[in-house]
Amino acid sequence: MQPTYSICITNFNMVDSVRQSLESILTQVDERFEIIVVDSCSDDGSLDILREYQGKRIKLIVQACSIGLGRQKAIENSRGKYIISHMDMDDVFQPSLNKLLQIYHANFEGCMLVVQYRPSVYAG
C-alpha cells in the first residue's frame, strides 16, 4: 500500500532528543504515513536508537551529508502523495498533526504549507 503522507526527518548527533522526538511523531501516525529518517553518520548513540525503529516504523538512510542534502535524500526516497519536510530530531511535535492536515486539505489543497512554531504564541 502506498502511503498518502511522507514525513521526512534529518538527524545528526541528537541522542538527547531522538527517542522523544520520534515517539512524538509515531503516536500521531497510522498506515497513511511513512517516516523517512536520514542520519548523517551520527556517532553519539542516536543512530543506534534509530536502528531500533528501522524497518518497523521508519525507513532509515545513513549517509554523511549536510542537513540540506539529508532533506533532499529523504524527499527522493519518499513515496507519499504529500511530503511533510524540514523536521529534525531535536523537535518534539505536539499532537496536532491530524488537525493540521484537516486544515490543509480544507483550505490549502495544492499549495505548499509552511508551519512554524512560535513560542510566544503558546507561552502562558
C-alpha atoms as a PDB file:
ATOM      1  CA  MET A   1       0.000   0.000   0.000  1.00  0.00           C
ATOM      2  CA  GLN A   2       1.381   3.378  -0.993  1.00  0.00           C
ATOM      3  CA  PRO A   3       1.380   5.943   1.816  1.00  0.00           C
ATOM      4  CA  THR A   4      -0.528   9.197   1.483  1.00  0.00           C
ATOM      5  CA  TYR A   5       1.964  11.168   3.552  1.00  0.00           C
ATOM      6  CA  SER A   6       5.758  11.007   3.750  1.00  0.00           C
ATOM      7  CA  ILE A   7       7.327  12.545   6.842  1.00  0.00           C
ATOM      8  CA  CYS A   8      10.956  13.433   6.077  1.00  0.00           C
ATOM      9  CA  ILE A   9      13.303  13.899   9.034  1.00  0.00           C
ATOM     10  CA  THR A  10      17.036  14.504   9.413  1.00  0.00           C
ATOM     11  CA  ASN A  11      19.305  13.604  12.309  1.00  0.00           C
ATOM     12  CA  PHE A  12      22.879  14.199  13.321  1.00  0.00           C
ATOM     13  CA  ASN A  13      24.051  13.527  16.873  1.00  0.00           C
ATOM     14  CA  MET A  14      20.765  14.229  18.674  1.00  0.00           C
ATOM     15  CA  VAL A  15      20.935  11.392  21.196  1.00  0.00           C
ATOM     16  CA  ASP A  16      19.340  13.506  23.950  1.00  0.00           C
ATOM     17  CA  SER A  17      16.136  14.105  21.991  1.00  0.00           C
ATOM     18  CA  VAL A  18      15.909  11.483  19.226  1.00  0.00           C
ATOM     19  CA  ARG A  19      13.685   8.990  21.042  1.00  0.00           C
ATOM     20  CA  GLN A  20      11.288  11.629  22.402  1.00  0.00           C
ATOM     21  CA  SER A  21      11.129  13.361  19.033  1.00  0.00           C
ATOM     22  CA  LEU A  22      10.461  10.147  17.123  1.00  0.00           C
ATOM     23  CA  GLU A  23       7.860   8.941  19.624  1.00  0.00           C
ATOM     24  CA  SER A  24       6.065  12.302  19.433  1.00  0.00           C
ATOM     25  CA  ILE A  25       5.519  11.631  15.728  1.00  0.00           C
ATOM     26  CA  LEU A  26       4.876   7.895  15.913  1.00  0.00           C
ATOM     27  CA  THR A  27       1.969   8.406  18.327  1.00  0.00           C
ATOM     28  CA  GLN A  28       0.231  10.564  15.696  1.00  0.00           C
ATOM     29  CA  VAL A  29       0.576   8.432  12.567  1.00  0.00           C
ATOM     30  CA  ASP A  30      -1.160   5.422  11.098  1.00  0.00           C
ATOM     31  CA  GLU A  31      -0.866   3.369   7.901  1.00  0.00           C
ATOM     32  CA  ARG A  32      -1.378   6.507   5.770  1.00  0.00           C
ATOM     33  CA  PHE A  33       2.103   7.682   6.773  1.00  0.00           C
ATOM     34  CA  GLU A  34       5.662   6.659   6.087  1.00  0.00           C
ATOM     35  CA  ILE A  35       8.573   8.118   8.013  1.00  0.00           C
ATOM     36  CA  ILE A  36      11.940   8.540   6.345  1.00  0.00           C
ATOM     37  CA  VAL A  37      14.905   9.493   8.529  1.00  0.00           C
ATOM     38  CA  VAL A  38      18.262  10.464   7.050  1.00  0.00           C
ATOM     39  CA  ASP A  39      21.066  10.210   9.588  1.00  0.00           C
ATOM     40  CA  SER A  40      24.426  11.782   8.761  1.00  0.00           C
ATOM     41  CA  CYS A  41      26.529   9.017  10.342  1.00  0.00           C
ATOM     42  CA  SER A  42      25.845  10.042  13.945  1.00  0.00           C
ATOM     43  CA  ASP A  43      28.402   8.820  16.459  1.00  0.00           C
ATOM     44  CA  ASP A  44      26.705   9.804  19.717  1.00  0.00           C
ATOM     45  CA  GLY A  45      24.334   6.826  20.056  1.00  0.00           C
ATOM     46  CA  SER A  46      21.368   8.404  18.265  1.00  0.00           C
ATOM     47  CA  LEU A  47      21.935   6.206  15.212  1.00  0.00           C
ATOM     48  CA  ASP A  48      21.684   3.115  17.453  1.00  0.00           C
ATOM     49  CA  ILE A  49      18.310   4.349  18.716  1.00  0.00           C
ATOM     50  CA  LEU A  50      17.102   4.960  15.161  1.00  0.00           C
ATOM     51  CA  ARG A  51      18.154   1.442  14.194  1.00  0.00           C
ATOM     52  CA  GLU A  52      15.767   0.110  16.870  1.00  0.00           C
ATOM     53  CA  TYR A  53      12.892   1.585  14.847  1.00  0.00           C
ATOM     54  CA  GLN A  54      14.286   0.777  11.392  1.00  0.00           C
ATOM     55  CA  GLY A  55      12.022  -1.362   9.250  1.00  0.00           C
ATOM     56  CA  LYS A  56       9.257  -1.455  11.842  1.00  0.00           C
ATOM     57  CA  ARG A  57       8.187   2.143  11.863  1.00  0.00           C
ATOM     58  CA  ILE A  58      10.777   4.110   9.881  1.00  0.00           C
ATOM     59  CA  LYS A  59      12.863   3.877   6.768  1.00  0.00           C
ATOM     60  CA  LEU A  60      16.414   4.770   7.820  1.00  0.00           C
ATOM     61  CA  ILE A  61      19.019   6.111   5.421  1.00  0.00           C
ATOM     62  CA  VAL A  62      22.544   6.564   6.746  1.00  0.00           C
ATOM     63  CA  GLN A  63      24.722   8.862   4.682  1.00  0.00           C
ATOM     64  CA  ALA A  64      27.262  11.539   5.549  1.00  0.00           C
ATOM     65  CA  CYS A  65      25.628  14.740   4.336  1.00  0.00           C
ATOM     66  CA  SER A  66      24.621  18.279   5.157  1.00  0.00           C
ATOM     67  CA  ILE A  67      21.147  18.945   6.541  1.00  0.00           C
ATOM     68  CA  GLY A  68      20.053  20.214   3.122  1.00  0.00           C
ATOM     69  CA  LEU A  69      21.277  17.103   1.323  1.00  0.00           C
ATOM     70  CA  GLY A  70      19.710  14.973   4.053  1.00  0.00           C
ATOM     71  CA  ARG A  71      16.344  16.624   3.437  1.00  0.00           C
ATOM     72  CA  GLN A  72      16.771  16.093  -0.295  1.00  0.00           C
ATOM     73  CA  LYS A  73      17.626  12.399   0.210  1.00  0.00           C
ATOM     74  CA  ALA A  74      14.572  11.916   2.407  1.00  0.00           C
ATOM     75  CA  ILE A  75      12.306  13.509  -0.211  1.00  0.00           C
ATOM     76  CA  GLU A  76      13.887  11.448  -3.006  1.00  0.00           C
ATOM     77  CA  ASN A  77      13.110   8.276  -1.048  1.00  0.00           C
ATOM     78  CA  SER A  78       9.534   9.218  -0.183  1.00  0.00           C
ATOM     79  CA  ARG A  79       6.528   7.577  -1.815  1.00  0.00           C
ATOM     80  CA  GLY A  80       3.647   9.621  -0.424  1.00  0.00           C
ATOM     81  CA  LYS A  81       1.427  11.993  -2.360  1.00  0.00           C
ATOM     82  CA  TYR A  82       2.140  14.676   0.250  1.00  0.00           C
ATOM     83  CA  ILE A  83       5.549  15.417   1.764  1.00  0.00           C
ATOM     84  CA  ILE A  84       5.999  16.773   5.261  1.00  0.00           C
ATOM     85  CA  SER A  85       9.566  18.011   5.441  1.00  0.00           C
ATOM     86  CA  HIS A  86      12.056  20.146   7.364  1.00  0.00           C
ATOM     87  CA  MET A  87      11.652  18.143  10.534  1.00  0.00           C
ATOM     88  CA  ASP A  88      14.642  17.308  12.680  1.00  0.00           C
ATOM     89  CA  MET A  89      15.259  15.009  15.647  1.00  0.00           C
ATOM     90  CA  ASP A  90      15.696  17.891  18.051  1.00  0.00           C
ATOM     91  CA  ASP A  91      11.988  18.770  17.623  1.00  0.00           C
ATOM     92  CA  VAL A  92       9.179  17.374  19.761  1.00  0.00           C
ATOM     93  CA  PHE A  93       5.842  17.513  17.987  1.00  0.00           C
ATOM     94  CA  GLN A  94       2.595  18.369  19.714  1.00  0.00           C
ATOM     95  CA  PRO A  95      -0.365  16.080  18.984  1.00  0.00           C
ATOM     96  CA  SER A  96      -1.797  18.281  16.244  1.00  0.00           C
ATOM     97  CA  LEU A  97      -0.643  16.632  13.022  1.00  0.00           C
ATOM     98  CA  ASN A  98      -4.055  15.285  12.001  1.00  0.00           C
ATOM     99  CA  LYS A  99      -5.750  18.611  12.789  1.00  0.00           C
ATOM    100  CA  LEU A 100      -3.135  20.413  10.692  1.00  0.00           C
ATOM    101  CA  LEU A 101      -3.753  18.023   7.793  1.00  0.00           C
ATOM    102  CA  GLN A 102      -7.529  18.601   8.024  1.00  0.00           C
ATOM    103  CA  ILE A 103      -6.972  22.363   7.819  1.00  0.00           C
ATOM    104  CA  TYR A 104      -4.586  21.921   4.908  1.00  0.00           C
ATOM    105  CA  HIS A 105      -6.962  19.771   2.871  1.00  0.00           C
ATOM    106  CA  ALA A 106      -9.962  22.020   3.612  1.00  0.00           C
ATOM    107  CA  ASN A 107      -8.253  25.352   2.894  1.00  0.00           C
ATOM    108  CA  PHE A 108      -4.887  24.986   1.163  1.00  0.00           C
ATOM    109  CA  GLU A 109      -5.025  21.856  -1.007  1.00  0.00           C
ATOM    110  CA  GLY A 110      -2.465  22.082  -3.816  1.00  0.00           C
ATOM    111  CA  CYS A 111      -0.374  24.736  -2.074  1.00  0.00           C
ATOM    112  CA  MET A 112       2.820  24.389  -0.108  1.00  0.00           C
ATOM    113  CA  LEU A 113       2.089  24.877   3.556  1.00  0.00           C
ATOM    114  CA  VAL A 114       4.860  26.075   5.855  1.00  0.00           C
ATOM    115  CA  VAL A 115       4.200  25.798   9.569  1.00  0.00           C
ATOM    116  CA  GLN A 116       6.441  27.332  12.209  1.00  0.00           C
ATOM    117  CA  TYR A 117       6.329  27.042  15.957  1.00  0.00           C
ATOM    118  CA  ARG A 118       6.233  30.391  17.731  1.00  0.00           C
ATOM    119  CA  PRO A 119       6.916  30.022  21.455  1.00  0.00           C
ATOM    120  CA  SER A 120       5.472  33.441  22.285  1.00  0.00           C
ATOM    121  CA  VAL A 121       2.077  32.366  20.947  1.00  0.00           C
ATOM    122  CA  TYR A 122       1.952  29.371  23.285  1.00  0.00           C
ATOM    123  CA  ALA A 123       3.591  30.907  26.328  1.00  0.00           C
ATOM    124  CA  GLY A 124       1.166  31.210  29.188  1.00  0.00           C
END
